[in-house]
PDB file of all heavy atoms in Angstrom:
ATOM      1  N   LEU A   1      -4.808 -10.745 -21.895  1.00  0.00           N
ATOM      2  CA  LEU A   1      -5.467 -10.627 -23.210  1.00  0.00           C
ATOM      3  C   LEU A   1      -5.367  -9.242 -23.749  1.00  0.00           C
ATOM      4  O   LEU A   1      -5.278  -9.053 -24.981  1.00  0.00           O
ATOM      5  CB  LEU A   1      -6.896 -11.112 -23.170  1.00  0.00           C
ATOM      6  CG  LEU A   1      -7.102 -12.565 -22.801  1.00  0.00           C
ATOM      7  CD1 LEU A   1      -8.603 -12.885 -22.696  1.00  0.00           C
ATOM      8  CD2 LEU A   1      -6.451 -13.475 -23.791  1.00  0.00           C
ATOM      9  N   THR A   2      -5.435  -8.215 -22.858  1.00  0.00           N
ATOM     10  CA  THR A   2      -5.537  -6.821 -23.365  1.00  0.00           C
ATOM     11  C   THR A   2      -4.402  -5.959 -22.920  1.00  0.00           C
ATOM     12  O   THR A   2      -4.225  -4.864 -23.458  1.00  0.00           O
ATOM     13  CB  THR A   2      -6.868  -6.182 -22.879  1.00  0.00           C
ATOM     14  OG1 THR A   2      -6.776  -6.054 -21.389  1.00  0.00           O
ATOM     15  CG2 THR A   2      -8.041  -7.085 -23.228  1.00  0.00           C
ATOM     16  N   GLY A   3      -3.678  -6.354 -21.838  1.00  0.00           N
ATOM     17  CA  GLY A   3      -2.634  -5.496 -21.298  1.00  0.00           C
ATOM     18  C   GLY A   3      -3.156  -4.499 -20.296  1.00  0.00           C
ATOM     19  O   GLY A   3      -2.350  -3.709 -19.739  1.00  0.00           O
ATOM     20  N   ARG A   4      -4.449  -4.472 -20.030  1.00  0.00           N
ATOM     21  CA  ARG A   4      -5.042  -3.535 -19.059  1.00  0.00           C
ATOM     22  C   ARG A   4      -4.983  -4.082 -17.663  1.00  0.00           C
ATOM     23  O   ARG A   4      -5.177  -5.259 -17.442  1.00  0.00           O
ATOM     24  CB  ARG A   4      -6.480  -3.185 -19.444  1.00  0.00           C
ATOM     25  CG  ARG A   4      -6.662  -2.480 -20.784  1.00  0.00           C
ATOM     26  CD  ARG A   4      -8.101  -1.971 -20.884  1.00  0.00           C
ATOM     27  NE  ARG A   4      -9.023  -3.033 -20.896  1.00  0.00           N
ATOM     28  CZ  ARG A   4      -9.558  -3.607 -22.006  1.00  0.00           C
ATOM     29  NH1 ARG A   4      -9.120  -3.202 -23.211  1.00  0.00           N
ATOM     30  NH2 ARG A   4     -10.428  -4.574 -21.897  1.00  0.00           N
ATOM     31  N   GLY A   5      -4.781  -3.181 -16.683  1.00  0.00           N
ATOM     32  CA  GLY A   5      -4.816  -3.550 -15.299  1.00  0.00           C
ATOM     33  C   GLY A   5      -3.488  -4.178 -14.814  1.00  0.00           C
ATOM     34  O   GLY A   5      -2.423  -3.930 -15.403  1.00  0.00           O
ATOM     35  N   ASP A   6      -3.539  -4.946 -13.716  1.00  0.00           N
ATOM     36  CA  ASP A   6      -2.377  -5.494 -13.078  1.00  0.00           C
ATOM     37  C   ASP A   6      -2.128  -6.927 -13.635  1.00  0.00           C
ATOM     38  O   ASP A   6      -3.072  -7.632 -14.014  1.00  0.00           O
ATOM     39  CB  ASP A   6      -2.535  -5.584 -11.570  1.00  0.00           C
ATOM     40  CG  ASP A   6      -2.664  -4.176 -10.942  1.00  0.00           C
ATOM     41  OD1 ASP A   6      -1.970  -3.301 -11.467  1.00  0.00           O
ATOM     42  OD2 ASP A   6      -3.411  -4.054  -9.982  1.00  0.00           O
ATOM     43  N   MET A   7      -0.876  -7.353 -13.571  1.00  0.00           N
ATOM     44  CA  MET A   7      -0.510  -8.662 -14.019  1.00  0.00           C
ATOM     45  C   MET A   7      -1.132  -9.756 -13.175  1.00  0.00           C
ATOM     46  O   MET A   7      -1.636 -10.778 -13.700  1.00  0.00           O
ATOM     47  CB  MET A   7       1.020  -8.859 -14.105  1.00  0.00           C
ATOM     48  CG  MET A   7       1.457 -10.279 -14.473  1.00  0.00           C
ATOM     49  SD  MET A   7       3.203 -10.497 -14.403  1.00  0.00           S
ATOM     50  CE  MET A   7       3.789  -9.594 -15.816  1.00  0.00           C
ATOM     51  N   MET A   8      -1.014  -9.633 -11.824  1.00  0.00           N
ATOM     52  CA  MET A   8      -1.436 -10.682 -10.963  1.00  0.00           C
ATOM     53  C   MET A   8      -2.883 -10.510 -10.547  1.00  0.00           C
ATOM     54  O   MET A   8      -3.427  -9.436 -10.448  1.00  0.00           O
ATOM     55  CB  MET A   8      -0.587 -10.695  -9.685  1.00  0.00           C
ATOM     56  CG  MET A   8       0.956 -10.755  -9.977  1.00  0.00           C
ATOM     57  SD  MET A   8       1.336 -12.225 -10.984  1.00  0.00           S
ATOM     58  CE  MET A   8       0.897 -13.568  -9.898  1.00  0.00           C
ATOM     59  N   ARG A   9      -3.552 -11.648 -10.403  1.00  0.00           N
ATOM     60  CA  ARG A   9      -4.976 -11.639  -9.974  1.00  0.00           C
ATOM     61  C   ARG A   9      -5.085 -11.126  -8.604  1.00  0.00           C
ATOM     62  O   ARG A   9      -4.481 -11.544  -7.629  1.00  0.00           O
ATOM     63  CB  ARG A   9      -5.565 -13.034 -10.078  1.00  0.00           C
ATOM     64  CG  ARG A   9      -5.734 -13.569 -11.453  1.00  0.00           C
ATOM     65  CD  ARG A   9      -6.150 -14.985 -11.487  1.00  0.00           C
ATOM     66  NE  ARG A   9      -7.257 -15.284 -10.650  1.00  0.00           N
ATOM     67  CZ  ARG A   9      -7.758 -16.520 -10.452  1.00  0.00           C
ATOM     68  NH1 ARG A   9      -7.222 -17.570 -11.057  1.00  0.00           N
ATOM     69  NH2 ARG A   9      -8.833 -16.686  -9.664  1.00  0.00           N
ATOM     70  N   GLN A  10      -6.005 -10.122  -8.351  1.00  0.00           N
ATOM     71  CA  GLN A  10      -6.161  -9.498  -7.042  1.00  0.00           C
ATOM     72  C   GLN A  10      -6.817 -10.417  -6.092  1.00  0.00           C
ATOM     73  O   GLN A  10      -6.592 -10.387  -4.866  1.00  0.00           O
ATOM     74  CB  GLN A  10      -6.969  -8.227  -7.165  1.00  0.00           C
ATOM     75  CG  GLN A  10      -6.209  -7.108  -7.848  1.00  0.00           C
ATOM     76  CD  GLN A  10      -4.884  -6.794  -7.201  1.00  0.00           C
ATOM     77  OE1 GLN A  10      -4.844  -6.468  -6.059  1.00  0.00           O
ATOM     78  NE2 GLN A  10      -3.787  -6.882  -7.993  1.00  0.00           N
ATOM     79  N   ASP A  11      -7.648 -11.358  -6.564  1.00  0.00           N
ATOM     80  CA  ASP A  11      -8.331 -12.269  -5.597  1.00  0.00           C
ATOM     81  C   ASP A  11      -7.352 -13.244  -5.008  1.00  0.00           C
ATOM     82  O   ASP A  11      -7.535 -13.768  -3.909  1.00  0.00           O
ATOM     83  CB  ASP A  11      -9.480 -13.047  -6.257  1.00  0.00           C
ATOM     84  CG  ASP A  11      -9.074 -13.815  -7.481  1.00  0.00           C
ATOM     85  OD1 ASP A  11      -7.932 -13.687  -7.891  1.00  0.00           O
ATOM     86  OD2 ASP A  11      -9.924 -14.550  -8.065  1.00  0.00           O
ATOM     87  N   ASP A  12      -6.240 -13.505  -5.690  1.00  0.00           N
ATOM     88  CA  ASP A  12      -5.169 -14.310  -5.101  1.00  0.00           C
ATOM     89  C   ASP A  12      -4.584 -13.669  -3.881  1.00  0.00           C
ATOM     90  O   ASP A  12      -4.153 -14.286  -2.922  1.00  0.00           O
ATOM     91  CB  ASP A  12      -4.081 -14.612  -6.074  1.00  0.00           C
ATOM     92  CG  ASP A  12      -4.398 -15.685  -7.091  1.00  0.00           C
ATOM     93  OD1 ASP A  12      -5.445 -16.319  -6.882  1.00  0.00           O
ATOM     94  OD2 ASP A  12      -3.672 -15.897  -8.071  1.00  0.00           O
ATOM     95  N   ILE A  13      -4.562 -12.340  -3.894  1.00  0.00           N
ATOM     96  CA  ILE A  13      -4.008 -11.582  -2.787  1.00  0.00           C
ATOM     97  C   ILE A  13      -5.041 -11.382  -1.665  1.00  0.00           C
ATOM     98  O   ILE A  13      -4.701 -11.541  -0.500  1.00  0.00           O
ATOM     99  CB  ILE A  13      -3.520 -10.198  -3.267  1.00  0.00           C
ATOM    100  CG1 ILE A  13      -2.343 -10.351  -4.247  1.00  0.00           C
ATOM    101  CG2 ILE A  13      -3.118  -9.299  -2.114  1.00  0.00           C
ATOM    102  CD1 ILE A  13      -1.908  -9.070  -4.897  1.00  0.00           C
ATOM    103  N   GLN A  14      -6.274 -11.158  -2.045  1.00  0.00           N
ATOM    104  CA  GLN A  14      -7.226 -10.700  -1.012  1.00  0.00           C
ATOM    105  C   GLN A  14      -7.997 -11.886  -0.382  1.00  0.00           C
ATOM    106  O   GLN A  14      -8.426 -11.717   0.776  1.00  0.00           O
ATOM    107  CB  GLN A  14      -8.279  -9.772  -1.708  1.00  0.00           C
ATOM    108  CG  GLN A  14      -7.601  -8.483  -2.195  1.00  0.00           C
ATOM    109  CD  GLN A  14      -8.513  -7.666  -3.056  1.00  0.00           C
ATOM    110  OE1 GLN A  14      -9.635  -8.095  -3.356  1.00  0.00           O
ATOM    111  NE2 GLN A  14      -8.059  -6.494  -3.391  1.00  0.00           N
ATOM    112  N   LEU A  15      -8.179 -13.020  -1.062  1.00  0.00           N
ATOM    113  CA  LEU A  15      -9.086 -14.048  -0.586  1.00  0.00           C
ATOM    114  C   LEU A  15      -8.363 -15.304  -0.129  1.00  0.00           C
ATOM    115  O   LEU A  15      -8.988 -16.182   0.487  1.00  0.00           O
ATOM    116  CB  LEU A  15     -10.108 -14.461  -1.691  1.00  0.00           C
ATOM    117  CG  LEU A  15     -10.974 -13.326  -2.189  1.00  0.00           C
ATOM    118  CD1 LEU A  15     -11.888 -13.826  -3.299  1.00  0.00           C
ATOM    119  CD2 LEU A  15     -11.786 -12.678  -1.057  1.00  0.00           C
ATOM    120  N   ALA A  16      -7.095 -15.443  -0.357  1.00  0.00           N
ATOM    121  CA  ALA A  16      -6.449 -16.728  -0.104  1.00  0.00           C
ATOM    122  C   ALA A  16      -6.049 -16.890   1.364  1.00  0.00           C
ATOM    123  O   ALA A  16      -5.702 -15.907   2.037  1.00  0.00           O
ATOM    124  CB  ALA A  16      -5.209 -16.846  -0.958  1.00  0.00           C
ATOM    125  N   ASP A  17      -6.167 -18.125   1.838  1.00  0.00           N
ATOM    126  CA  ASP A  17      -5.509 -18.499   3.116  1.00  0.00           C
ATOM    127  C   ASP A  17      -4.060 -18.697   2.826  1.00  0.00           C
ATOM    128  O   ASP A  17      -3.652 -19.280   1.844  1.00  0.00           O
ATOM    129  CB  ASP A  17      -6.117 -19.788   3.675  1.00  0.00           C
ATOM    130  CG  ASP A  17      -7.572 -19.601   4.057  1.00  0.00           C
ATOM    131  OD1 ASP A  17      -7.955 -18.476   4.363  1.00  0.00           O
ATOM    132  OD2 ASP A  17      -8.316 -20.612   4.052  1.00  0.00           O
ATOM    133  N   VAL A  18      -3.195 -18.197   3.708  1.00  0.00           N
ATOM    134  CA  VAL A  18      -1.755 -18.181   3.448  1.00  0.00           C
ATOM    135  C   VAL A  18      -1.016 -18.929   4.529  1.00  0.00           C
ATOM    136  O   VAL A  18      -1.491 -19.086   5.646  1.00  0.00           O
ATOM    137  CB  VAL A  18      -1.188 -16.747   3.339  1.00  0.00           C
ATOM    138  CG1 VAL A  18      -1.908 -15.985   2.206  1.00  0.00           C
ATOM    139  CG2 VAL A  18      -1.278 -16.042   4.667  1.00  0.00           C
ATOM    140  N   LYS A  19       0.147 -19.357   4.129  1.00  0.00           N
ATOM    141  CA  LYS A  19       1.079 -19.939   5.100  1.00  0.00           C
ATOM    142  C   LYS A  19       2.500 -19.627   4.665  1.00  0.00           C
ATOM    143  O   LYS A  19       2.772 -19.402   3.477  1.00  0.00           O
ATOM    144  CB  LYS A  19       0.939 -21.462   5.231  1.00  0.00           C
ATOM    145  CG  LYS A  19       1.454 -22.240   4.053  1.00  0.00           C
ATOM    146  CD  LYS A  19       1.454 -23.760   4.332  1.00  0.00           C
ATOM    147  CE  LYS A  19       2.097 -24.501   3.176  1.00  0.00           C
ATOM    148  NZ  LYS A  19       2.141 -25.970   3.476  1.00  0.00           N
ATOM    149  N   VAL A  20       3.401 -19.520   5.611  1.00  0.00           N
ATOM    150  CA  VAL A  20       4.807 -19.355   5.251  1.00  0.00           C
ATOM    151  C   VAL A  20       5.344 -20.709   4.856  1.00  0.00           C
ATOM    152  O   VAL A  20       5.452 -21.628   5.644  1.00  0.00           O
ATOM    153  CB  VAL A  20       5.638 -18.818   6.459  1.00  0.00           C
ATOM    154  CG1 VAL A  20       7.068 -18.678   6.075  1.00  0.00           C
ATOM    155  CG2 VAL A  20       5.051 -17.433   6.901  1.00  0.00           C
ATOM    156  N   SER A  21       5.641 -20.822   3.516  1.00  0.00           N
ATOM    157  CA  SER A  21       6.086 -22.120   3.035  1.00  0.00           C
ATOM    158  C   SER A  21       7.571 -22.330   3.205  1.00  0.00           C
ATOM    159  O   SER A  21       8.039 -23.463   3.342  1.00  0.00           O
ATOM    160  CB  SER A  21       5.722 -22.257   1.532  1.00  0.00           C
ATOM    161  OG  SER A  21       6.236 -21.186   0.777  1.00  0.00           O
ATOM    162  N   HIS A  22       8.379 -21.215   3.155  1.00  0.00           N
ATOM    163  CA  HIS A  22       9.792 -21.367   3.401  1.00  0.00           C
ATOM    164  C   HIS A  22      10.285 -20.158   4.113  1.00  0.00           C
ATOM    165  O   HIS A  22       9.849 -19.012   3.889  1.00  0.00           O
ATOM    166  CB  HIS A  22      10.527 -21.455   2.048  1.00  0.00           C
ATOM    167  CG  HIS A  22      10.289 -22.715   1.299  1.00  0.00           C
ATOM    168  ND1 HIS A  22       9.268 -22.851   0.376  1.00  0.00           N
ATOM    169  CD2 HIS A  22      10.857 -23.924   1.395  1.00  0.00           C
ATOM    170  CE1 HIS A  22       9.259 -24.050  -0.145  1.00  0.00           C
ATOM    171  NE2 HIS A  22      10.210 -24.756   0.464  1.00  0.00           N
ATOM    172  N   ASP A  23      11.198 -20.350   5.036  1.00  0.00           N
ATOM    173  CA  ASP A  23      11.872 -19.300   5.788  1.00  0.00           C
ATOM    174  C   ASP A  23      13.360 -19.396   5.503  1.00  0.00           C
ATOM    175  O   ASP A  23      13.987 -20.305   5.932  1.00  0.00           O
ATOM    176  CB  ASP A  23      11.538 -19.480   7.273  1.00  0.00           C
ATOM    177  CG  ASP A  23      11.977 -18.251   8.126  1.00  0.00           C
ATOM    178  OD1 ASP A  23      12.649 -17.398   7.521  1.00  0.00           O
ATOM    179  OD2 ASP A  23      11.715 -18.227   9.312  1.00  0.00           O
ATOM    180  N   PHE A  24      13.877 -18.440   4.710  1.00  0.00           N
ATOM    181  CA  PHE A  24      15.276 -18.517   4.264  1.00  0.00           C
ATOM    182  C   PHE A  24      16.118 -17.639   5.164  1.00  0.00           C
ATOM    183  O   PHE A  24      16.507 -16.553   4.835  1.00  0.00           O
ATOM    184  CB  PHE A  24      15.369 -18.039   2.768  1.00  0.00           C
ATOM    185  CG  PHE A  24      14.418 -18.743   1.883  1.00  0.00           C
ATOM    186  CD1 PHE A  24      13.275 -18.172   1.406  1.00  0.00           C
ATOM    187  CD2 PHE A  24      14.670 -20.057   1.495  1.00  0.00           C
ATOM    188  CE1 PHE A  24      12.393 -18.775   0.559  1.00  0.00           C
ATOM    189  CE2 PHE A  24      13.802 -20.726   0.637  1.00  0.00           C
ATOM    190  CZ  PHE A  24      12.625 -20.092   0.193  1.00  0.00           C
ATOM    191  N   ARG A  25      16.431 -18.156   6.362  1.00  0.00           N
ATOM    192  CA  ARG A  25      17.049 -17.316   7.337  1.00  0.00           C
ATOM    193  C   ARG A  25      18.565 -17.604   7.395  1.00  0.00           C
ATOM    194  O   ARG A  25      19.063 -18.656   7.018  1.00  0.00           O
ATOM    195  CB  ARG A  25      16.483 -17.538   8.714  1.00  0.00           C
ATOM    196  CG  ARG A  25      16.657 -18.880   9.352  1.00  0.00           C
ATOM    197  CD  ARG A  25      15.939 -18.970  10.679  1.00  0.00           C
ATOM    198  NE  ARG A  25      14.518 -18.600  10.645  1.00  0.00           N
ATOM    199  CZ  ARG A  25      13.991 -17.531  11.207  1.00  0.00           C
ATOM    200  NH1 ARG A  25      14.758 -16.713  11.957  1.00  0.00           N
ATOM    201  NH2 ARG A  25      12.703 -17.305  11.129  1.00  0.00           N
ATOM    202  N   LEU A  26      19.285 -16.594   7.927  1.00  0.00           N
ATOM    203  CA  LEU A  26      20.702 -16.691   8.154  1.00  0.00           C
ATOM    204  C   LEU A  26      21.006 -16.848   9.623  1.00  0.00           C
ATOM    205  O   LEU A  26      20.147 -16.643  10.449  1.00  0.00           O
ATOM    206  CB  LEU A  26      21.418 -15.401   7.624  1.00  0.00           C
ATOM    207  CG  LEU A  26      21.148 -15.080   6.155  1.00  0.00           C
ATOM    208  CD1 LEU A  26      21.773 -13.706   5.877  1.00  0.00           C
ATOM    209  CD2 LEU A  26      21.715 -16.156   5.225  1.00  0.00           C
ATOM    210  N   ARG A  27      22.172 -17.279   9.978  1.00  0.00           N
ATOM    211  CA  ARG A  27      22.533 -17.476  11.366  1.00  0.00           C
ATOM    212  C   ARG A  27      22.427 -16.162  12.166  1.00  0.00           C
ATOM    213  O   ARG A  27      22.184 -16.179  13.376  1.00  0.00           O
ATOM    214  CB  ARG A  27      23.944 -18.107  11.472  1.00  0.00           C
ATOM    215  CG  ARG A  27      24.056 -19.490  10.948  1.00  0.00           C
ATOM    216  CD  ARG A  27      25.484 -20.005  11.057  1.00  0.00           C
ATOM    217  NE  ARG A  27      25.618 -21.337  10.573  1.00  0.00           N
ATOM    218  CZ  ARG A  27      26.774 -22.013  10.451  1.00  0.00           C
ATOM    219  NH1 ARG A  27      27.918 -21.408  10.916  1.00  0.00           N
ATOM    220  NH2 ARG A  27      26.798 -23.245   9.980  1.00  0.00           N
ATOM    221  N   THR A  28      22.658 -15.039  11.502  1.00  0.00           N
ATOM    222  CA  THR A  28      22.711 -13.799  12.174  1.00  0.00           C
ATOM    223  C   THR A  28      21.314 -13.140  12.276  1.00  0.00           C
ATOM    224  O   THR A  28      21.172 -12.064  12.878  1.00  0.00           O
ATOM    225  CB  THR A  28      23.643 -12.809  11.468  1.00  0.00           C
ATOM    226  OG1 THR A  28      23.258 -12.734  10.088  1.00  0.00           O
ATOM    227  CG2 THR A  28      25.092 -13.282  11.541  1.00  0.00           C
ATOM    228  N   ASP A  29      20.280 -13.757  11.669  1.00  0.00           N
ATOM    229  CA  ASP A  29      18.974 -13.150  11.651  1.00  0.00           C
ATOM    230  C   ASP A  29      18.381 -13.185  13.061  1.00  0.00           C
ATOM    231  O   ASP A  29      18.386 -14.218  13.786  1.00  0.00           O
ATOM    232  CB  ASP A  29      18.005 -13.935  10.740  1.00  0.00           C
ATOM    233  CG  ASP A  29      18.234 -13.598   9.295  1.00  0.00           C
ATOM    234  OD1 ASP A  29      18.811 -12.498   9.014  1.00  0.00           O
ATOM    235  OD2 ASP A  29      17.932 -14.398   8.406  1.00  0.00           O
ATOM    236  N   MET A  30      17.788 -12.052  13.451  1.00  0.00           N
ATOM    237  CA  MET A  30      17.096 -11.949  14.764  1.00  0.00           C
ATOM    238  C   MET A  30      15.587 -11.854  14.438  1.00  0.00           C
ATOM    239  O   MET A  30      15.156 -11.006  13.676  1.00  0.00           O
ATOM    240  CB  MET A  30      17.547 -10.708  15.476  1.00  0.00           C
ATOM    241  CG  MET A  30      19.029 -10.699  15.786  1.00  0.00           C
ATOM    242  SD  MET A  30      19.548 -12.024  16.929  1.00  0.00           S
ATOM    243  CE  MET A  30      18.730 -11.449  18.413  1.00  0.00           C
ATOM    244  N   ASP A  31      14.759 -12.709  15.079  1.00  0.00           N
ATOM    245  CA  ASP A  31      13.348 -12.750  14.831  1.00  0.00           C
ATOM    246  C   ASP A  31      12.721 -11.472  15.357  1.00  0.00           C
ATOM    247  O   ASP A  31      13.098 -10.896  16.359  1.00  0.00           O
ATOM    248  CB  ASP A  31      12.685 -13.924  15.531  1.00  0.00           C
ATOM    249  CG  ASP A  31      13.080 -15.229  14.878  1.00  0.00           C
ATOM    250  OD1 ASP A  31      13.669 -15.206  13.757  1.00  0.00           O
ATOM    251  OD2 ASP A  31      12.763 -16.303  15.437  1.00  0.00           O
ATOM    252  N   VAL A  32      11.675 -10.997  14.644  1.00  0.00           N
ATOM    253  CA  VAL A  32      10.796  -9.921  15.091  1.00  0.00           C
ATOM    254  C   VAL A  32       9.460 -10.541  15.422  1.00  0.00           C
ATOM    255  O   VAL A  32       8.904 -11.326  14.626  1.00  0.00           O
ATOM    256  CB  VAL A  32      10.647  -8.889  13.998  1.00  0.00           C
ATOM    257  CG1 VAL A  32       9.706  -7.781  14.421  1.00  0.00           C
ATOM    258  CG2 VAL A  32      12.018  -8.245  13.650  1.00  0.00           C
ATOM    259  N   ASP A  33       8.894 -10.179  16.584  1.00  0.00           N
ATOM    260  CA  ASP A  33       7.619 -10.809  17.033  1.00  0.00           C
ATOM    261  C   ASP A  33       6.579 -10.805  15.953  1.00  0.00           C
ATOM    262  O   ASP A  33       5.954 -11.805  15.623  1.00  0.00           O
ATOM    263  CB  ASP A  33       7.107 -10.114  18.292  1.00  0.00           C
ATOM    264  CG  ASP A  33       7.968 -10.434  19.516  1.00  0.00           C
ATOM    265  OD1 ASP A  33       8.727 -11.420  19.417  1.00  0.00           O
ATOM    266  OD2 ASP A  33       7.933  -9.707  20.514  1.00  0.00           O
ATOM    267  N   ILE A  34       6.314  -9.638  15.402  1.00  0.00           N
ATOM    268  CA  ILE A  34       5.357  -9.493  14.278  1.00  0.00           C
ATOM    269  C   ILE A  34       5.693  -8.222  13.511  1.00  0.00           C
ATOM    270  O   ILE A  34       6.090  -7.224  14.069  1.00  0.00           O
ATOM    271  CB  ILE A  34       3.898  -9.447  14.762  1.00  0.00           C
ATOM    272  CG1 ILE A  34       2.958  -9.667  13.574  1.00  0.00           C
ATOM    273  CG2 ILE A  34       3.611  -8.174  15.526  1.00  0.00           C
ATOM    274  CD1 ILE A  34       1.533 -10.048  14.002  1.00  0.00           C
ATOM    275  N   GLN A  35       5.617  -8.337  12.214  1.00  0.00           N
ATOM    276  CA  GLN A  35       5.880  -7.197  11.312  1.00  0.00           C
ATOM    277  C   GLN A  35       4.697  -6.979  10.393  1.00  0.00           C
ATOM    278  O   GLN A  35       4.018  -7.910  10.014  1.00  0.00           O
ATOM    279  CB  GLN A  35       7.119  -7.467  10.470  1.00  0.00           C
ATOM    280  CG  GLN A  35       8.387  -7.807  11.163  1.00  0.00           C
ATOM    281  CD  GLN A  35       9.483  -8.178  10.261  1.00  0.00           C
ATOM    282  OE1 GLN A  35      10.073  -7.371   9.531  1.00  0.00           O
ATOM    283  NE2 GLN A  35       9.861  -9.439  10.247  1.00  0.00           N
ATOM    284  N   ARG A  36       4.457  -5.733  10.017  1.00  0.00           N
ATOM    285  CA  ARG A  36       3.471  -5.373   8.987  1.00  0.00           C
ATOM    286  C   ARG A  36       4.251  -5.080   7.704  1.00  0.00           C
ATOM    287  O   ARG A  36       4.753  -3.968   7.525  1.00  0.00           O
ATOM    288  CB  ARG A  36       2.620  -4.167   9.436  1.00  0.00           C
ATOM    289  CG  ARG A  36       1.376  -3.976   8.608  1.00  0.00           C
ATOM    290  CD  ARG A  36       0.433  -3.037   9.307  1.00  0.00           C
ATOM    291  NE  ARG A  36      -0.889  -2.957   8.604  1.00  0.00           N
ATOM    292  CZ  ARG A  36      -1.225  -1.966   7.812  1.00  0.00           C
ATOM    293  NH1 ARG A  36      -0.417  -0.916   7.668  1.00  0.00           N
ATOM    294  NH2 ARG A  36      -2.419  -1.968   7.225  1.00  0.00           N
ATOM    295  N   ILE A  37       4.400  -6.061   6.876  1.00  0.00           N
ATOM    296  CA  ILE A  37       5.215  -5.995   5.698  1.00  0.00           C
ATOM    297  C   ILE A  37       4.411  -5.574   4.487  1.00  0.00           C
ATOM    298  O   ILE A  37       3.438  -6.209   4.113  1.00  0.00           O
ATOM    299  CB  ILE A  37       5.937  -7.351   5.447  1.00  0.00           C
ATOM    300  CG1 ILE A  37       6.713  -7.790   6.686  1.00  0.00           C
ATOM    301  CG2 ILE A  37       6.846  -7.275   4.240  1.00  0.00           C
ATOM    302  CD1 ILE A  37       7.112  -9.215   6.699  1.00  0.00           C
ATOM    303  N   PRO A  38       4.828  -4.480   3.798  1.00  0.00           N
ATOM    304  CA  PRO A  38       4.058  -4.017   2.626  1.00  0.00           C
ATOM    305  C   PRO A  38       4.289  -4.957   1.431  1.00  0.00           C
ATOM    306  O   PRO A  38       5.403  -5.389   1.148  1.00  0.00           O
ATOM    307  CB  PRO A  38       4.670  -2.637   2.351  1.00  0.00           C
ATOM    308  CG  PRO A  38       6.018  -2.682   2.945  1.00  0.00           C
ATOM    309  CD  PRO A  38       5.974  -3.579   4.170  1.00  0.00           C
ATOM    310  N   LEU A  39       3.203  -5.271   0.732  1.00  0.00           N
ATOM    311  CA  LEU A  39       3.223  -6.062  -0.453  1.00  0.00           C
ATOM    312  C   LEU A  39       3.091  -5.096  -1.657  1.00  0.00           C
ATOM    313  O   LEU A  39       2.066  -4.392  -1.808  1.00  0.00           O
ATOM    314  CB  LEU A  39       2.061  -7.097  -0.456  1.00  0.00           C
ATOM    315  CG  LEU A  39       1.901  -7.887  -1.754  1.00  0.00           C
ATOM    316  CD1 LEU A  39       3.094  -8.779  -2.036  1.00  0.00           C
ATOM    317  CD2 LEU A  39       0.642  -8.737  -1.637  1.00  0.00           C
ATOM    318  N   TYR A  40       4.115  -5.095  -2.554  1.00  0.00           N
ATOM    319  CA  TYR A  40       4.114  -4.162  -3.665  1.00  0.00           C
ATOM    320  C   TYR A  40       3.867  -4.940  -4.959  1.00  0.00           C
ATOM    321  O   TYR A  40       4.208  -6.081  -5.147  1.00  0.00           O
ATOM    322  CB  TYR A  40       5.495  -3.465  -3.780  1.00  0.00           C
ATOM    323  CG  TYR A  40       5.842  -2.614  -2.589  1.00  0.00           C
ATOM    324  CD1 TYR A  40       6.706  -3.009  -1.641  1.00  0.00           C
ATOM    325  CD2 TYR A  40       5.197  -1.356  -2.430  1.00  0.00           C
ATOM    326  CE1 TYR A  40       7.093  -2.231  -0.555  1.00  0.00           C
ATOM    327  CE2 TYR A  40       5.565  -0.598  -1.316  1.00  0.00           C
ATOM    328  CZ  TYR A  40       6.438  -1.024  -0.407  1.00  0.00           C
ATOM    329  OH  TYR A  40       6.737  -0.216   0.703  1.00  0.00           O
ATOM    330  N   GLU A  41       3.261  -4.191  -5.939  1.00  0.00           N
ATOM    331  CA  GLU A  41       3.166  -4.666  -7.308  1.00  0.00           C
ATOM    332  C   GLU A  41       4.208  -3.996  -8.140  1.00  0.00           C
ATOM    333  O   GLU A  41       4.255  -2.743  -8.205  1.00  0.00           O
ATOM    334  CB  GLU A  41       1.744  -4.349  -7.825  1.00  0.00           C
ATOM    335  CG  GLU A  41       1.513  -4.821  -9.261  1.00  0.00           C
ATOM    336  CD  GLU A  41       1.478  -6.335  -9.410  1.00  0.00           C
ATOM    337  OE1 GLU A  41       0.951  -6.933  -8.452  1.00  0.00           O
ATOM    338  OE2 GLU A  41       1.908  -6.831 -10.461  1.00  0.00           O
ATOM    339  N   ILE A  42       5.102  -4.741  -8.747  1.00  0.00           N
ATOM    340  CA  ILE A  42       6.147  -4.171  -9.577  1.00  0.00           C
ATOM    341  C   ILE A  42       6.137  -4.808 -10.932  1.00  0.00           C
ATOM    342  O   ILE A  42       5.666  -5.949 -11.122  1.00  0.00           O
ATOM    343  CB  ILE A  42       7.559  -4.326  -8.919  1.00  0.00           C
ATOM    344  CG1 ILE A  42       7.870  -5.833  -8.768  1.00  0.00           C
ATOM    345  CG2 ILE A  42       7.626  -3.562  -7.672  1.00  0.00           C
ATOM    346  CD1 ILE A  42       9.278  -6.024  -8.232  1.00  0.00           C
TER     347      ILE A  42
END
């Protein structure tokens, strides 16, 4: 309505239970046990 702040709702990021809905892997992909992946706002 105003153009102020971020486009996406922050509570969607902070409060939601999440699941990996799709894994788009290639044959050459090697799994990593666990990664800390940064989520950016662009």
